């Protein structure tokens, strides 16, 4: 039986890194419309960078893929998700047609999906999926009027000519037992990924930009980035423009590492007039808005972050064997539309350690890391050693944990002034949006339950008792109209 053949069609009006594939059953044709910066080979298409030679286009076997792609492998068609939560795939099968994209909005538009009031608490549904201890190895889908949209996150999708869909795991790293082995693994992955991103044969090349804070994870990744040629970093030194926020300002660490540091305001997105909240709400939950504050710095960049460090370096043990693998909050998923539009690579190298969390805990507790343990709830000896050995003083980092790139938008009151006016005009012009009549009462009830949970959990921790399971499955409400607004304001770029 003949295999698949790729037909890639560039559409300059699309976001730079967006793509959507259309496959019809039993034809073998894979028609992909894509933006100007997507890399295209004879039998593969990719946006992003990976830890291997660019010319080989073997991103489907990479240990780290910061991006997504399509690979024709004989009689099998493989849609390749990234190695981290940011780079999802969305697949919608409608009869004999399959649509797969790296954008939820693009998938819905290509499949001819129109939203109606039946699409309600999508953001809350995704939050509950992410919290599930089975999320790492169980398929998930979103319900829409004309059928489901399947999510592939940190897993690939393999399709045969009849459109039979199979979810397959990513390649994983071999275990490490010593500190030098760990550093060598991360250093090697980063070096290869940087070289891939800068390859002269690419349509678009990317210059590394580290993120910095006064915590552990970003600083540790910045140390490795400097070793591999990174010369610039960005840090949130202000809360709003002109309002200093020194508690998470990583400029001093950057200076120690020899980096040129761009000092920016975390919540500058609030003052923008280009509706940054809308494109975040189009891929809910809208948690990554600080990246919109620095979007003018990001075009053509490979942004190195410390995401997933809490799971890799934190010493808390999972309460169940299935927990702690991937079901961890990150604020980066909703950055998808911003990333595709602006054209930058979001790279979190620590996700290559996702299968090795037990080994990381053992290493953190080993004798060779003893002198780098400082005690308390925020004690991470592995990154502390990495940063201190790079010349940063112990007192300059790793004492207060903050979520620097996190800003959660759930209600209209949390939107910036321009976005809020636009949202209110959108709601006023529509009579078919989901009702929110009961949501204020439910929000107050859930807020009270969360506060009670927090008090009980802190009391048990002081007594040395086991922690309570986090109430991640509670229906914490988001205004469902925000997704409808985000979809409406974003879909025009995919028509």
Protein backbone atom coordinates (compact mmCIF):
# COMPACT_ATOMS: atom_id res chain seq x y z
CA UNK A 1 0.00 0.00 0.00
CA UNK A 2 1.44 3.42 -0.92
CA UNK A 3 2.35 5.70 1.95
CA UNK A 4 1.61 9.32 2.69
CA UNK A 5 2.94 12.28 0.75
CA UNK A 6 3.33 15.79 2.13
CA UNK A 7 2.02 18.85 0.32
CA UNK A 8 3.07 22.01 2.19
CA UNK A 9 1.61 25.36 1.21
CA UNK A 10 2.93 28.55 2.75
CA UNK A 11 0.36 31.23 3.52
CA UNK A 12 2.12 34.49 4.46
CA UNK A 13 -1.05 35.83 6.09
CA UNK A 14 -0.93 33.10 8.74
CA UNK A 15 0.95 33.53 12.03
CA UNK A 16 4.63 32.82 11.40
CA UNK A 17 4.83 29.46 13.16
CA UNK A 18 1.26 28.18 12.75
CA UNK A 19 0.37 25.11 10.71
CA UNK A 20 -2.67 22.96 10.09
CA UNK A 21 -2.74 19.60 8.31
CA UNK A 22 -5.74 18.16 6.48
CA UNK A 23 -5.77 14.42 5.82
CA UNK A 24 -8.58 12.64 4.00
CA UNK A 25 -9.10 8.94 4.64
CA UNK A 26 -7.50 6.49 2.19
CA UNK A 27 -5.93 9.16 -0.05
CA UNK A 28 -2.43 9.49 1.42
CA UNK A 29 -2.36 13.24 0.79
CA UNK A 30 -1.28 15.40 3.74
CA UNK A 31 -2.05 19.02 2.85
CA UNK A 32 -0.50 21.47 5.30
CA UNK A 33 -1.06 25.22 5.28
CA UNK A 34 1.61 27.00 7.29
CA UNK A 35 3.15 30.33 8.21
CA UNK A 36 6.30 31.85 6.74
CA UNK A 37 8.77 30.63 9.40
CA UNK A 38 7.79 26.96 9.42
CA UNK A 39 10.63 24.73 8.19
CA UNK A 40 9.73 22.35 5.35
CA UNK A 41 11.61 19.29 4.04
CA UNK A 42 10.71 16.59 1.54
CA UNK A 43 8.87 14.45 4.06
CA UNK A 44 8.68 16.60 7.19
CA UNK A 45 7.59 19.97 8.45
CA UNK A 46 8.50 21.56 11.78
CA UNK A 47 8.44 24.76 13.79
CA UNK A 48 10.88 25.02 16.66
CA UNK A 49 14.29 23.57 17.53
CA UNK A 50 15.52 20.24 18.85
CA UNK A 51 18.66 18.55 20.15
CA UNK A 52 19.86 17.17 16.83
CA UNK A 53 21.23 18.25 13.45
CA UNK A 54 18.77 20.44 11.58
CA UNK A 55 19.59 18.89 8.19
CA UNK A 56 18.43 15.45 9.31
CA UNK A 57 14.92 16.68 10.28
CA UNK A 58 14.73 13.84 12.83
CA UNK A 59 12.80 15.90 15.37
CA UNK A 60 10.36 13.04 15.99
CA UNK A 61 13.17 11.12 17.72
CA UNK A 62 14.58 14.06 19.66
CA UNK A 63 15.01 14.06 23.42
CA UNK A 64 13.98 17.73 23.49
CA UNK A 65 11.71 19.28 20.87
CA UNK A 66 10.76 22.89 21.58
CA UNK A 67 8.02 23.06 18.97
CA UNK A 68 5.77 20.82 16.88
CA UNK A 69 5.86 19.14 13.49
CA UNK A 70 4.64 16.61 10.93
CA UNK A 71 6.76 13.66 9.75
CA UNK A 72 5.94 11.16 6.99
CA UNK A 73 7.58 7.88 7.90
CA UNK A 74 6.74 5.35 5.19
CA UNK A 75 3.17 4.18 5.59
CA UNK A 76 2.79 6.03 8.87
CA UNK A 77 2.10 9.69 9.45
CA UNK A 78 3.36 11.11 12.73
CA UNK A 79 2.19 14.40 14.19
CA UNK A 80 4.83 15.41 16.71
CA UNK A 81 4.07 17.35 19.88
CA UNK A 82 6.76 19.13 21.85
CA UNK A 83 8.56 17.67 24.84
CA UNK A 84 6.88 20.12 27.19
CA UNK A 85 3.39 21.35 27.97
CA UNK A 86 3.64 24.49 25.84
CA UNK A 87 3.68 22.67 22.51
CA UNK A 88 0.39 20.82 22.15
CA UNK A 89 -1.34 19.31 19.15
CA UNK A 90 -5.09 19.57 18.57
CA UNK A 91 -6.82 17.01 16.34
CA UNK A 92 -10.40 17.02 15.08
CA UNK A 93 -11.80 14.18 13.03
CA UNK A 94 -14.96 14.99 11.10
CA UNK A 95 -16.10 11.98 9.07
CA UNK A 96 -13.40 11.09 6.54
CA UNK A 97 -11.42 14.25 7.28
CA UNK A 98 -8.81 14.80 9.96
CA UNK A 99 -7.51 18.25 10.92
CA UNK A 100 -4.42 18.59 13.12
CA UNK A 101 -2.77 21.86 14.15
CA UNK A 102 -0.50 23.42 16.76
CA UNK A 103 -3.30 25.94 17.40
CA UNK A 104 -6.67 25.14 18.94
CA UNK A 105 -8.21 28.07 17.06
CA UNK A 106 -6.73 26.96 13.72
CA UNK A 107 -8.10 23.43 14.28
CA UNK A 108 -11.59 24.73 15.02
CA UNK A 109 -11.58 27.08 12.01
CA UNK A 110 -10.30 24.38 9.65
CA UNK A 111 -12.91 21.91 10.88
CA UNK A 112 -15.69 24.47 10.38
CA UNK A 113 -16.51 24.48 14.07
CA UNK A 114 -18.74 27.25 15.37
CA UNK A 115 -19.12 27.88 19.07
CA UNK A 116 -22.48 27.93 20.77
CA UNK A 117 -23.65 28.04 24.41
CA UNK A 118 -22.92 24.31 24.78
CA UNK A 119 -19.23 25.25 24.94
CA UNK A 120 -19.17 26.38 28.54
CA UNK A 121 -16.49 25.91 31.14
CA UNK A 122 -13.66 25.01 28.75
CA UNK A 123 -10.99 26.69 30.86
CA UNK A 124 -12.14 24.90 34.00
CA UNK A 125 -12.28 21.60 32.12
CA UNK A 126 -8.66 22.00 31.01
CA UNK A 127 -7.59 22.98 34.53
CA UNK A 128 -9.14 19.79 35.89
CA UNK A 129 -7.49 17.70 33.18
CA UNK A 130 -4.09 19.18 33.98
CA UNK A 131 -4.58 18.44 37.68
CA UNK A 132 -5.48 14.84 37.01
CA UNK A 133 -2.79 12.36 38.15
CA UNK A 134 -3.57 10.35 35.00
CA UNK A 135 -3.01 13.25 32.62
CA UNK A 136 0.43 12.07 31.55
CA UNK A 137 -0.76 8.80 30.09
CA UNK A 138 -4.47 9.20 29.34
CA UNK A 139 -5.99 10.76 26.24
CA UNK A 140 -8.09 13.89 26.73
CA UNK A 141 -10.58 15.66 24.55
CA UNK A 142 -12.59 18.87 24.47
CA UNK A 143 -16.26 18.73 23.51
CA UNK A 144 -17.60 20.97 20.74
CA UNK A 145 -20.97 20.99 18.94
CA UNK A 146 -19.77 19.07 15.86
CA UNK A 147 -17.49 16.64 17.66
CA UNK A 148 -14.50 16.41 20.00
CA UNK A 149 -11.04 17.94 19.66
CA UNK A 150 -8.34 15.60 20.94
CA UNK A 151 -5.37 17.03 22.84
CA UNK A 152 -1.90 15.55 22.43
CA UNK A 153 0.47 16.97 24.99
CA UNK A 154 3.95 15.49 25.45
CA UNK A 155 2.71 12.56 23.33
CA UNK A 156 2.69 12.16 19.54
CA UNK A 157 -0.17 11.17 17.24
CA UNK A 158 0.39 8.42 14.67
CA UNK A 159 -2.17 8.05 11.88
CA UNK A 160 -2.62 5.38 9.19
CA UNK A 161 -4.38 5.82 5.84
CA UNK A 162 -7.75 4.91 7.32
CA UNK A 163 -7.26 7.70 9.89
CA UNK A 164 -6.91 5.30 12.78
CA UNK A 165 -5.31 7.42 15.52
CA UNK A 166 -2.74 6.11 17.99
CA UNK A 167 -1.13 8.09 20.81
CA UNK A 168 2.57 7.26 21.30
CA UNK A 169 5.01 8.39 24.00
CA UNK A 170 8.01 10.63 23.50
CA UNK A 171 11.59 9.45 23.72
CA UNK A 172 12.93 9.61 27.28
CA UNK A 173 16.37 10.18 28.76
CA UNK A 174 18.45 7.49 30.43
CA UNK A 175 18.64 7.81 34.18
CA UNK A 176 21.39 9.72 35.95
CA UNK A 177 22.76 9.14 39.43
CA UNK A 178 25.47 11.77 39.87
CA UNK A 179 25.51 15.54 39.70
CA UNK A 180 28.08 15.69 36.89
CA UNK A 181 25.97 13.28 34.80
CA UNK A 182 22.93 15.50 35.22
CA UNK A 183 24.76 18.68 34.26
CA UNK A 184 26.35 16.96 31.28
CA UNK A 185 22.93 15.79 30.05
CA UNK A 186 21.36 19.26 30.30
CA UNK A 187 24.46 20.92 28.84
CA UNK A 188 24.49 18.54 25.87
CA UNK A 189 20.77 19.01 25.15
CA UNK A 190 21.05 22.77 25.33
CA UNK A 191 24.18 22.94 23.14
CA UNK A 192 22.56 20.83 20.42
CA UNK A 193 19.30 22.78 20.57
CA UNK A 194 21.09 26.14 20.32
CA UNK A 195 23.08 24.88 17.32
CA UNK A 196 19.90 23.65 15.66
CA UNK A 197 18.12 26.99 16.20
CA UNK A 198 21.02 28.92 14.63
CA UNK A 199 21.65 26.62 11.65
CA UNK A 200 22.25 28.72 8.48
CA UNK A 201 20.08 26.34 6.44
CA UNK A 202 16.93 27.35 8.33
CA UNK A 203 14.30 29.73 7.00
CA UNK A 204 14.30 31.45 10.37
CA UNK A 205 17.16 31.44 12.86
CA UNK A 206 16.85 32.13 16.57
CA UNK A 207 19.12 33.83 19.11
CA UNK A 208 18.97 32.58 22.71
CA UNK A 209 17.44 34.78 25.39
CA UNK A 210 17.52 33.53 28.99
CA UNK A 211 14.91 34.34 31.61
CA UNK A 212 16.06 35.36 35.08
CA UNK A 213 14.54 35.73 38.50
CA UNK A 214 15.83 35.44 42.06
CA UNK A 215 14.60 31.88 42.28
CA UNK A 216 16.44 28.68 41.44
CA UNK A 217 15.21 27.26 38.17
CA UNK A 218 15.59 30.10 35.67
CA UNK A 219 18.98 31.00 37.14
CA UNK A 220 20.25 27.42 36.75
CA UNK A 221 19.14 27.28 33.11
CA UNK A 222 20.74 30.70 32.52
CA UNK A 223 24.07 29.29 33.76
CA UNK A 224 23.93 26.56 31.11
CA UNK A 225 22.70 29.00 28.47
CA UNK A 226 25.75 31.22 29.06
CA UNK A 227 28.04 28.22 28.63
CA UNK A 228 26.50 27.68 25.22
CA UNK A 229 26.73 31.21 23.89
CA UNK A 230 23.72 33.05 25.30
CA UNK A 231 24.55 36.71 25.87
CA UNK A 232 21.23 38.29 26.90
CA UNK A 233 18.54 37.72 29.50
CA UNK A 234 15.21 39.26 30.46
CA UNK A 235 13.91 39.74 34.00
CA UNK A 236 10.83 41.23 35.59
CA UNK A 237 12.30 44.11 37.60
CA UNK A 238 9.05 46.07 37.86
CA UNK A 239 5.44 45.20 38.57
CA UNK A 240 4.15 47.98 36.30
CA UNK A 241 6.22 50.41 34.20
CA UNK A 242 7.99 52.73 36.62
CA UNK A 243 7.01 50.69 39.71
CA UNK A 244 10.08 48.79 40.95
CA UNK A 245 9.67 45.22 42.18
CA UNK A 246 13.11 44.15 43.44
CA UNK A 247 11.92 40.92 45.09
CA UNK A 248 12.24 38.95 41.83
CA UNK A 249 14.67 41.14 39.89
CA UNK A 250 17.39 38.85 38.50
CA UNK A 251 19.57 41.62 37.06
CA UNK A 252 22.30 41.15 39.70
CA UNK A 253 22.50 37.43 38.90
CA UNK A 254 22.69 38.23 35.20
CA UNK A 255 25.55 40.64 35.82
CA UNK A 256 27.45 37.94 37.71
CA UNK A 257 26.97 35.62 34.74
CA UNK A 258 28.12 38.23 32.23
CA UNK A 259 24.70 38.70 30.62
CA UNK A 260 23.15 41.86 29.24
CA UNK A 261 19.88 42.01 31.17
CA UNK A 262 16.67 43.56 29.85
CA UNK A 263 14.68 44.79 32.85
CA UNK A 264 10.95 44.79 32.14
CA UNK A 265 7.57 45.18 33.93
CA UNK A 266 5.68 41.98 34.69
CA UNK A 267 2.19 43.41 34.23
CA UNK A 268 2.81 45.83 31.36
CA UNK A 269 0.36 43.69 29.35
CA UNK A 270 -2.41 45.36 31.34
CA UNK A 271 -1.74 48.64 29.51
CA UNK A 272 -1.50 47.23 25.97
CA UNK A 273 -4.16 48.05 23.40
CA UNK A 274 -3.73 44.99 21.13
CA UNK A 275 -5.95 42.69 23.25
CA UNK A 276 -3.22 40.36 24.59
CA UNK A 277 -5.73 38.70 26.91
CA UNK A 278 -7.86 37.61 23.95
CA UNK A 279 -5.23 35.37 22.38
CA UNK A 280 -4.44 33.92 25.80
CA UNK A 281 -8.13 33.21 26.46
CA UNK A 282 -8.29 31.42 23.09
CA UNK A 283 -6.05 28.69 24.57
CA UNK A 284 -7.34 28.55 28.15
CA UNK A 285 -6.57 28.77 30.96
CA UNK A 286 -5.16 32.26 30.38
CA UNK A 287 -2.18 32.14 32.74
CA UNK A 288 0.84 33.39 30.74
CA UNK A 289 0.11 37.09 30.29
CA UNK A 290 3.49 38.36 31.55
CA UNK A 291 4.93 37.02 28.28
CA UNK A 292 2.74 39.55 26.48
CA UNK A 293 4.55 42.22 28.51
CA UNK A 294 7.82 41.29 26.78
CA UNK A 295 6.49 40.32 23.37
CA UNK A 296 8.43 43.14 21.68
CA UNK A 297 11.66 41.40 22.75
CA UNK A 298 10.75 37.91 21.56
CA UNK A 299 10.68 37.81 17.74
CA UNK A 300 13.46 35.56 16.47
CA UNK A 301 14.40 34.41 19.98
CA UNK A 302 14.90 31.04 21.60
CA UNK A 303 13.54 31.81 25.06
CA UNK A 304 15.15 29.61 27.72
CA UNK A 305 13.02 29.15 30.84
CA UNK A 306 13.17 27.16 34.07
CA UNK A 307 9.68 25.71 33.73
CA UNK A 308 9.14 22.35 35.46
CA UNK A 309 11.91 23.06 37.93
CA UNK A 310 9.51 22.77 40.85
CA UNK A 311 8.90 19.13 39.94
CA UNK A 312 12.52 18.33 39.02
CA UNK A 313 14.28 20.05 41.91
CA UNK A 314 11.60 20.29 44.60
CA UNK A 315 11.96 17.74 47.37
CA UNK A 316 8.25 17.07 47.99
CA UNK A 317 7.40 13.44 47.31
CA UNK A 318 4.22 12.53 45.37
CA UNK A 319 1.41 11.06 47.42
CA UNK A 320 0.74 8.41 44.74
CA UNK A 321 3.11 6.61 42.35
CA UNK A 322 1.29 8.13 39.36
CA UNK A 323 1.65 11.69 40.59
CA UNK A 324 4.56 14.02 40.03
CA UNK A 325 5.28 12.94 36.46
CA UNK A 326 3.60 15.62 34.37
CA UNK A 327 0.42 16.69 36.12
CA UNK A 328 1.96 19.93 37.27
CA UNK A 329 0.74 23.46 36.82
CA UNK A 330 2.65 25.53 34.34
CA UNK A 331 1.61 28.92 33.09
CA UNK A 332 3.01 28.47 29.61
CA UNK A 333 0.24 26.65 27.69
CA UNK A 334 -1.75 29.79 26.92
CA UNK A 335 1.31 31.47 25.37
CA UNK A 336 0.67 29.41 22.21
CA UNK A 337 -1.04 32.03 20.03
CA UNK A 338 1.43 34.73 21.08
CA UNK A 339 4.34 32.44 20.25
CA UNK A 340 2.97 31.49 16.83
CA UNK A 341 2.18 35.10 15.92
CA UNK A 342 5.39 36.76 17.14
CA UNK A 343 7.64 33.92 16.00
CA UNK A 344 9.78 32.70 18.90
CA UNK A 345 10.77 29.35 20.39
CA UNK A 346 9.71 28.62 23.95
CA UNK A 347 12.30 26.23 25.38
CA UNK A 348 12.14 24.52 28.79
CA UNK A 349 15.09 22.08 28.94
CA UNK A 350 14.09 20.68 32.34
CA UNK A 351 11.25 18.71 30.76
CA UNK A 352 13.79 16.16 29.50
CA UNK A 353 14.05 15.10 33.15
CA UNK A 354 10.33 14.36 33.40
CA UNK A 355 10.79 10.54 33.62
CA UNK A 356 13.62 10.92 36.16
CA UNK A 357 11.92 12.63 39.08
CA UNK A 358 12.73 9.79 41.46
CA UNK A 359 16.40 9.98 40.49
CA UNK A 360 16.34 13.75 40.96
CA UNK A 361 14.95 13.43 44.48
CA UNK A 362 17.59 10.82 45.32
CA UNK A 363 20.33 13.06 43.96
CA UNK A 364 19.03 16.06 45.92
CA UNK A 365 19.27 13.99 49.10
CA UNK A 366 22.69 12.52 48.31
CA UNK A 367 25.91 13.24 50.19
CA UNK A 368 27.52 15.08 47.28
CA UNK A 369 24.85 17.83 47.55
CA UNK A 370 24.99 18.19 51.36
CA UNK A 371 26.86 21.50 51.42
CA UNK A 372 24.28 23.03 49.04
CA UNK A 373 21.23 22.30 51.19
CA UNK A 374 19.98 25.33 53.10
CA UNK A 375 16.82 23.88 54.70
CA UNK A 376 13.24 25.10 54.66
CA UNK A 377 10.46 24.53 52.16
CA UNK A 378 12.38 26.19 49.32
CA UNK A 379 15.56 24.15 49.32
CA UNK A 380 16.93 22.96 45.97
CA UNK A 381 20.54 21.83 46.25
CA UNK A 382 21.00 20.85 42.59
CA UNK A 383 20.31 24.27 41.04
CA UNK A 384 21.98 26.00 44.02
CA UNK A 385 25.21 24.20 43.24
CA UNK A 386 24.91 25.07 39.54
CA UNK A 387 24.41 28.77 40.24
CA UNK A 388 26.90 29.13 43.11
CA UNK A 389 29.64 27.37 41.12
CA UNK A 390 29.01 29.92 38.34
CA UNK A 391 30.02 32.72 40.72
CA UNK A 392 26.69 33.91 42.16
CA UNK A 393 26.72 34.54 45.90
CA UNK A 394 24.50 32.35 48.07
CA UNK A 395 22.52 35.29 49.46
CA UNK A 396 21.52 36.59 46.01
CA UNK A 397 19.01 33.90 45.03
CA UNK A 398 16.83 31.00 46.09
CA UNK A 399 15.17 32.36 49.23
CA UNK A 400 11.69 33.44 48.12
CA UNK A 401 9.67 31.46 45.62
CA UNK A 402 7.60 33.53 43.19
CA UNK A 403 5.68 32.74 40.01
CA UNK A 404 7.18 35.54 37.95
CA UNK A 405 5.59 34.63 34.60
CA UNK A 406 2.15 33.92 36.00
CA UNK A 407 -1.00 36.07 35.79
CA UNK A 408 -4.34 34.27 35.84
CA UNK A 409 -7.29 35.89 34.06
CA UNK A 410 -10.64 34.33 34.97
CA UNK A 411 -13.05 37.27 35.07
CA UNK A 412 -13.70 40.42 33.05
CA UNK A 413 -12.58 42.53 36.04
CA UNK A 414 -9.04 41.15 35.57
CA UNK A 415 -8.72 42.40 31.98
CA UNK A 416 -6.81 45.53 31.04
CA UNK A 417 -8.92 48.63 30.30
CA UNK A 418 -8.83 48.32 26.49
CA UNK A 419 -9.51 44.60 26.54
CA UNK A 420 -12.31 44.97 29.05
CA UNK A 421 -14.11 47.52 26.90
CA UNK A 422 -13.74 45.26 23.89
CA UNK A 423 -14.98 42.24 25.85
CA UNK A 424 -18.02 44.15 27.12
CA UNK A 425 -18.85 45.28 23.58
CA UNK A 426 -18.54 41.68 22.39
CA UNK A 427 -20.88 40.43 25.11
CA UNK A 428 -23.41 43.20 24.45
CA UNK A 429 -23.55 42.30 20.74
CA UNK A 430 -24.18 38.58 21.34
CA UNK A 431 -27.31 36.92 22.63
CA UNK A 432 -26.08 33.32 22.35
CA UNK A 433 -23.31 33.26 24.96
CA UNK A 434 -23.28 30.93 27.98
CA UNK A 435 -25.10 32.21 31.04
CA UNK A 436 -23.02 33.29 34.03
CA UNK A 437 -25.94 33.87 36.38
CA UNK A 438 -24.85 31.31 38.98
CA UNK A 439 -21.12 31.83 38.71
CA UNK A 440 -20.59 34.55 41.36
CA UNK A 441 -22.21 32.34 44.02
CA UNK A 442 -20.22 29.29 42.90
CA UNK A 443 -17.01 31.32 42.84
CA UNK A 444 -17.57 32.53 46.43
CA UNK A 445 -18.34 28.98 47.56
CA UNK A 446 -15.24 27.57 45.90
CA UNK A 447 -13.13 30.43 47.25
CA UNK A 448 -14.30 29.63 50.78
CA UNK A 449 -13.54 25.95 50.30
CA UNK A 450 -10.05 26.76 49.05
CA UNK A 451 -9.33 29.00 52.03
CA UNK A 452 -10.51 26.24 54.39
CA UNK A 453 -8.29 23.77 52.55
CA UNK A 454 -5.29 26.09 52.91
CA UNK A 455 -5.77 26.52 56.65
CA UNK A 456 -6.21 22.78 57.22
CA UNK A 457 -3.22 21.90 55.05
CA UNK A 458 -0.90 24.36 56.84
CA UNK A 459 -2.03 23.03 60.20
CA UNK A 460 -1.31 19.44 59.20
CA UNK A 461 2.12 20.40 57.85
CA UNK A 462 3.06 22.06 61.15
CA UNK A 463 2.10 18.85 62.93
CA UNK A 464 4.16 16.75 60.54
CA UNK A 465 1.05 14.98 59.22
CA UNK A 466 0.64 13.99 55.54
CA UNK A 467 -0.52 16.74 53.22
CA UNK A 468 -4.10 16.89 52.01
CA UNK A 469 -4.69 16.12 48.33
CA UNK A 470 -4.94 19.37 46.39
CA UNK A 471 -8.56 20.18 45.39
CA UNK A 472 -7.62 20.41 41.74
CA UNK A 473 -10.86 18.77 40.59
CA UNK A 474 -13.10 21.35 42.25
CA UNK A 475 -15.03 23.41 39.69
CA UNK A 476 -13.16 26.68 40.14
CA UNK A 477 -15.04 28.88 37.75
CA UNK A 478 -13.77 30.93 34.83
CA UNK A 479 -16.15 33.20 32.93
CA UNK A 480 -16.94 30.94 29.92
CA UNK A 481 -17.54 33.98 27.73
CA UNK A 482 -13.81 34.80 27.83
CA UNK A 483 -13.04 31.77 25.67
CA UNK A 484 -15.75 32.76 23.17
CA UNK A 485 -14.31 36.29 23.05
CA UNK A 486 -10.76 35.02 22.66
CA UNK A 487 -11.78 32.65 19.87
CA UNK A 488 -13.69 35.37 18.02
CA UNK A 489 -10.82 37.86 18.24
CA UNK A 490 -8.20 35.27 17.22
CA UNK A 491 -9.87 33.23 14.49
CA UNK A 492 -9.57 35.97 11.86
CA UNK A 493 -5.86 35.25 11.49
CA UNK A 494 -6.72 31.67 10.39
CA UNK A 495 -9.45 32.26 7.84
